[in-house]
């Protein structure tokens, strides 16, 4: 089998706390038909209803899709983004890999500058 690496994309996420209101977008509380598990609600996805428990991360993906992720998987896969310049540089780099320019300039000097400033 061929090997693949996950592209460096930036997502939005919030850790689910059932006692914090309002709940994140997409989380639907169980009604009278609550299953006998630790879940507080569910998220409707293309793969069906996914249960959400306290501590899960609610992720908004690159296409706007919302889905839950277990805490241990989230921490092994994602890290906080603390630098907006780094976020822009990653987006520019991804766009360049896909043959697009985010700033739509001719020389792409802004994009080149961001990539040069990218922390190593």
C-alpha atoms as a PDB file:
ATOM      1  CA  UNK A   1       0.000   0.000   0.000  1.00  0.00           C
ATOM      2  CA  UNK A   2       1.148   3.563  -0.686  1.00  0.00           C
ATOM      3  CA  UNK A   3       1.798   5.894   2.259  1.00  0.00           C
ATOM      4  CA  UNK A   4       0.015   9.226   2.747  1.00  0.00           C
ATOM      5  CA  UNK A   5       0.508  12.180   5.078  1.00  0.00           C
ATOM      6  CA  UNK A   6      -2.301  14.378   6.368  1.00  0.00           C
ATOM      7  CA  UNK A   7      -2.204  17.890   4.856  1.00  0.00           C
ATOM      8  CA  UNK A   8      -1.541  20.726   7.297  1.00  0.00           C
ATOM      9  CA  UNK A   9      -4.991  22.266   7.588  1.00  0.00           C
ATOM     10  CA  UNK A  10      -6.379  24.576  10.252  1.00  0.00           C
ATOM     11  CA  UNK A  11      -9.718  23.636  11.788  1.00  0.00           C
ATOM     12  CA  UNK A  12     -11.949  25.194  14.419  1.00  0.00           C
ATOM     13  CA  UNK A  13     -12.758  23.125  17.498  1.00  0.00           C
ATOM     14  CA  UNK A  14     -14.226  23.411  20.972  1.00  0.00           C
ATOM     15  CA  UNK A  15     -14.185  20.839  23.752  1.00  0.00           C
ATOM     16  CA  UNK A  16     -17.719  19.780  24.648  1.00  0.00           C
ATOM     17  CA  UNK A  17     -18.928  20.567  28.167  1.00  0.00           C
ATOM     18  CA  UNK A  18     -22.557  19.520  28.603  1.00  0.00           C
ATOM     19  CA  UNK A  19     -22.987  21.997  31.467  1.00  0.00           C
ATOM     20  CA  UNK A  20     -21.875  24.990  29.380  1.00  0.00           C
ATOM     21  CA  UNK A  21     -24.609  26.709  27.400  1.00  0.00           C
ATOM     22  CA  UNK A  22     -25.160  27.205  24.576  1.00  0.00           C
ATOM     23  CA  UNK A  23     -23.913  23.924  23.209  1.00  0.00           C
ATOM     24  CA  UNK A  24     -21.668  24.067  20.128  1.00  0.00           C
ATOM     25  CA  UNK A  25     -23.331  24.263  16.715  1.00  0.00           C
ATOM     26  CA  UNK A  26     -24.482  20.886  15.484  1.00  0.00           C
ATOM     27  CA  UNK A  27     -24.836  19.153  18.861  1.00  0.00           C
ATOM     28  CA  UNK A  28     -28.420  17.991  19.293  1.00  0.00           C
ATOM     29  CA  UNK A  29     -29.579  16.934  22.779  1.00  0.00           C
ATOM     30  CA  UNK A  30     -31.224  13.562  23.151  1.00  0.00           C
ATOM     31  CA  UNK A  31     -34.954  13.654  23.596  1.00  0.00           C
ATOM     32  CA  UNK A  32     -36.959  10.874  25.211  1.00  0.00           C
ATOM     33  CA  UNK A  33     -35.087   8.321  23.089  1.00  0.00           C
ATOM     34  CA  UNK A  34     -31.717   8.754  24.859  1.00  0.00           C
ATOM     35  CA  UNK A  35     -29.589   5.613  24.494  1.00  0.00           C
ATOM     36  CA  UNK A  36     -28.119   3.903  27.532  1.00  0.00           C
ATOM     37  CA  UNK A  37     -24.621   5.263  27.212  1.00  0.00           C
ATOM     38  CA  UNK A  38     -22.612   8.244  28.458  1.00  0.00           C
ATOM     39  CA  UNK A  39     -23.631  10.486  25.550  1.00  0.00           C
ATOM     40  CA  UNK A  40     -25.413  13.788  26.057  1.00  0.00           C
ATOM     41  CA  UNK A  41     -26.453  14.256  22.470  1.00  0.00           C
ATOM     42  CA  UNK A  42     -25.472  13.609  18.892  1.00  0.00           C
ATOM     43  CA  UNK A  43     -24.308  15.245  15.691  1.00  0.00           C
ATOM     44  CA  UNK A  44     -25.901  14.382  12.365  1.00  0.00           C
ATOM     45  CA  UNK A  45     -23.145  13.509   9.874  1.00  0.00           C
ATOM     46  CA  UNK A  46     -23.022  11.856   6.457  1.00  0.00           C
ATOM     47  CA  UNK A  47     -22.059   8.656   8.303  1.00  0.00           C
ATOM     48  CA  UNK A  48     -25.145   8.874  10.541  1.00  0.00           C
ATOM     49  CA  UNK A  49     -25.743  10.194  14.052  1.00  0.00           C
ATOM     50  CA  UNK A  50     -22.515  10.330  16.069  1.00  0.00           C
ATOM     51  CA  UNK A  51     -22.838  10.340  19.870  1.00  0.00           C
ATOM     52  CA  UNK A  52     -21.228  13.182  21.833  1.00  0.00           C
ATOM     53  CA  UNK A  53     -19.924  12.710  25.368  1.00  0.00           C
ATOM     54  CA  UNK A  54     -18.407  15.202  27.802  1.00  0.00           C
ATOM     55  CA  UNK A  55     -14.800  15.907  26.803  1.00  0.00           C
ATOM     56  CA  UNK A  56     -15.251  15.201  23.089  1.00  0.00           C
ATOM     57  CA  UNK A  57     -14.021  17.890  20.712  1.00  0.00           C
ATOM     58  CA  UNK A  58     -16.553  19.360  18.292  1.00  0.00           C
ATOM     59  CA  UNK A  59     -14.709  20.088  15.046  1.00  0.00           C
ATOM     60  CA  UNK A  60     -15.691  22.244  12.093  1.00  0.00           C
ATOM     61  CA  UNK A  61     -13.770  20.796   9.160  1.00  0.00           C
ATOM     62  CA  UNK A  62     -12.383  22.523   6.082  1.00  0.00           C
ATOM     63  CA  UNK A  63     -15.645  22.019   4.167  1.00  0.00           C
ATOM     64  CA  UNK A  64     -17.760  23.345   7.063  1.00  0.00           C
ATOM     65  CA  UNK A  65     -18.775  19.883   8.232  1.00  0.00           C
ATOM     66  CA  UNK A  66     -19.208  19.360  11.983  1.00  0.00           C
ATOM     67  CA  UNK A  67     -18.229  16.158  13.734  1.00  0.00           C
ATOM     68  CA  UNK A  68     -17.123  14.945  17.179  1.00  0.00           C
ATOM     69  CA  UNK A  69     -13.650  13.645  17.980  1.00  0.00           C
ATOM     70  CA  UNK A  70     -12.527  11.792  21.105  1.00  0.00           C
ATOM     71  CA  UNK A  71     -10.110  13.757  23.283  1.00  0.00           C
ATOM     72  CA  UNK A  72      -7.167  11.346  22.937  1.00  0.00           C
ATOM     73  CA  UNK A  73      -7.461  11.253  19.136  1.00  0.00           C
ATOM     74  CA  UNK A  74      -7.812  15.043  18.972  1.00  0.00           C
ATOM     75  CA  UNK A  75      -4.693  15.612  21.094  1.00  0.00           C
ATOM     76  CA  UNK A  76      -2.683  13.128  19.003  1.00  0.00           C
ATOM     77  CA  UNK A  77      -3.798  14.766  15.735  1.00  0.00           C
ATOM     78  CA  UNK A  78      -4.073  18.511  16.392  1.00  0.00           C
ATOM     79  CA  UNK A  79      -2.128  21.240  18.161  1.00  0.00           C
ATOM     80  CA  UNK A  80      -3.241  24.782  19.062  1.00  0.00           C
ATOM     81  CA  UNK A  81      -2.533  27.517  16.531  1.00  0.00           C
ATOM     82  CA  UNK A  82      -1.287  30.565  18.379  1.00  0.00           C
ATOM     83  CA  UNK A  83       0.134  32.613  15.533  1.00  0.00           C
ATOM     84  CA  UNK A  84      -2.112  34.102  12.832  1.00  0.00           C
ATOM     85  CA  UNK A  85       0.912  34.534  10.544  1.00  0.00           C
ATOM     86  CA  UNK A  86       1.544  30.796  10.753  1.00  0.00           C
ATOM     87  CA  UNK A  87      -2.100  30.095   9.935  1.00  0.00           C
ATOM     88  CA  UNK A  88      -1.914  32.343   6.870  1.00  0.00           C
ATOM     89  CA  UNK A  89       1.389  30.793   5.819  1.00  0.00           C
ATOM     90  CA  UNK A  90      -0.064  27.284   6.025  1.00  0.00           C
ATOM     91  CA  UNK A  91      -3.124  28.355   4.038  1.00  0.00           C
ATOM     92  CA  UNK A  92      -0.906  29.996   1.414  1.00  0.00           C
ATOM     93  CA  UNK A  93       1.312  26.923   1.249  1.00  0.00           C
ATOM     94  CA  UNK A  94      -1.700  24.628   0.828  1.00  0.00           C
ATOM     95  CA  UNK A  95      -3.178  26.927  -1.828  1.00  0.00           C
ATOM     96  CA  UNK A  96       0.154  26.965  -3.683  1.00  0.00           C
ATOM     97  CA  UNK A  97       0.254  23.143  -3.575  1.00  0.00           C
ATOM     98  CA  UNK A  98      -3.212  23.143  -5.113  1.00  0.00           C
ATOM     99  CA  UNK A  99      -2.196  25.692  -7.778  1.00  0.00           C
ATOM    100  CA  UNK A 100      -4.147  28.583  -6.244  1.00  0.00           C
ATOM    101  CA  UNK A 101      -3.036  31.915  -4.851  1.00  0.00           C
ATOM    102  CA  UNK A 102      -5.027  33.175  -1.838  1.00  0.00           C
ATOM    103  CA  UNK A 103      -4.160  36.814  -2.400  1.00  0.00           C
ATOM    104  CA  UNK A 104      -4.767  36.562  -6.155  1.00  0.00           C
ATOM    105  CA  UNK A 105      -1.716  38.752  -6.911  1.00  0.00           C
ATOM    106  CA  UNK A 106       0.450  38.507 -10.016  1.00  0.00           C
ATOM    107  CA  UNK A 107       3.881  38.251  -8.420  1.00  0.00           C
ATOM    108  CA  UNK A 108       2.678  36.568  -5.229  1.00  0.00           C
ATOM    109  CA  UNK A 109       5.213  38.610  -3.223  1.00  0.00           C
ATOM    110  CA  UNK A 110       2.906  38.688  -0.210  1.00  0.00           C
ATOM    111  CA  UNK A 111       2.583  34.918  -0.300  1.00  0.00           C
ATOM    112  CA  UNK A 112       6.349  34.501  -0.675  1.00  0.00           C
ATOM    113  CA  UNK A 113       6.931  36.837   2.291  1.00  0.00           C
ATOM    114  CA  UNK A 114       4.576  34.832   4.499  1.00  0.00           C
ATOM    115  CA  UNK A 115       6.287  31.598   3.584  1.00  0.00           C
ATOM    116  CA  UNK A 116       9.709  33.105   4.344  1.00  0.00           C
ATOM    117  CA  UNK A 117       8.486  34.286   7.770  1.00  0.00           C
ATOM    118  CA  UNK A 118       7.040  30.863   8.638  1.00  0.00           C
ATOM    119  CA  UNK A 119       8.536  29.670  11.943  1.00  0.00           C
ATOM    120  CA  UNK A 120      10.488  26.455  11.648  1.00  0.00           C
END
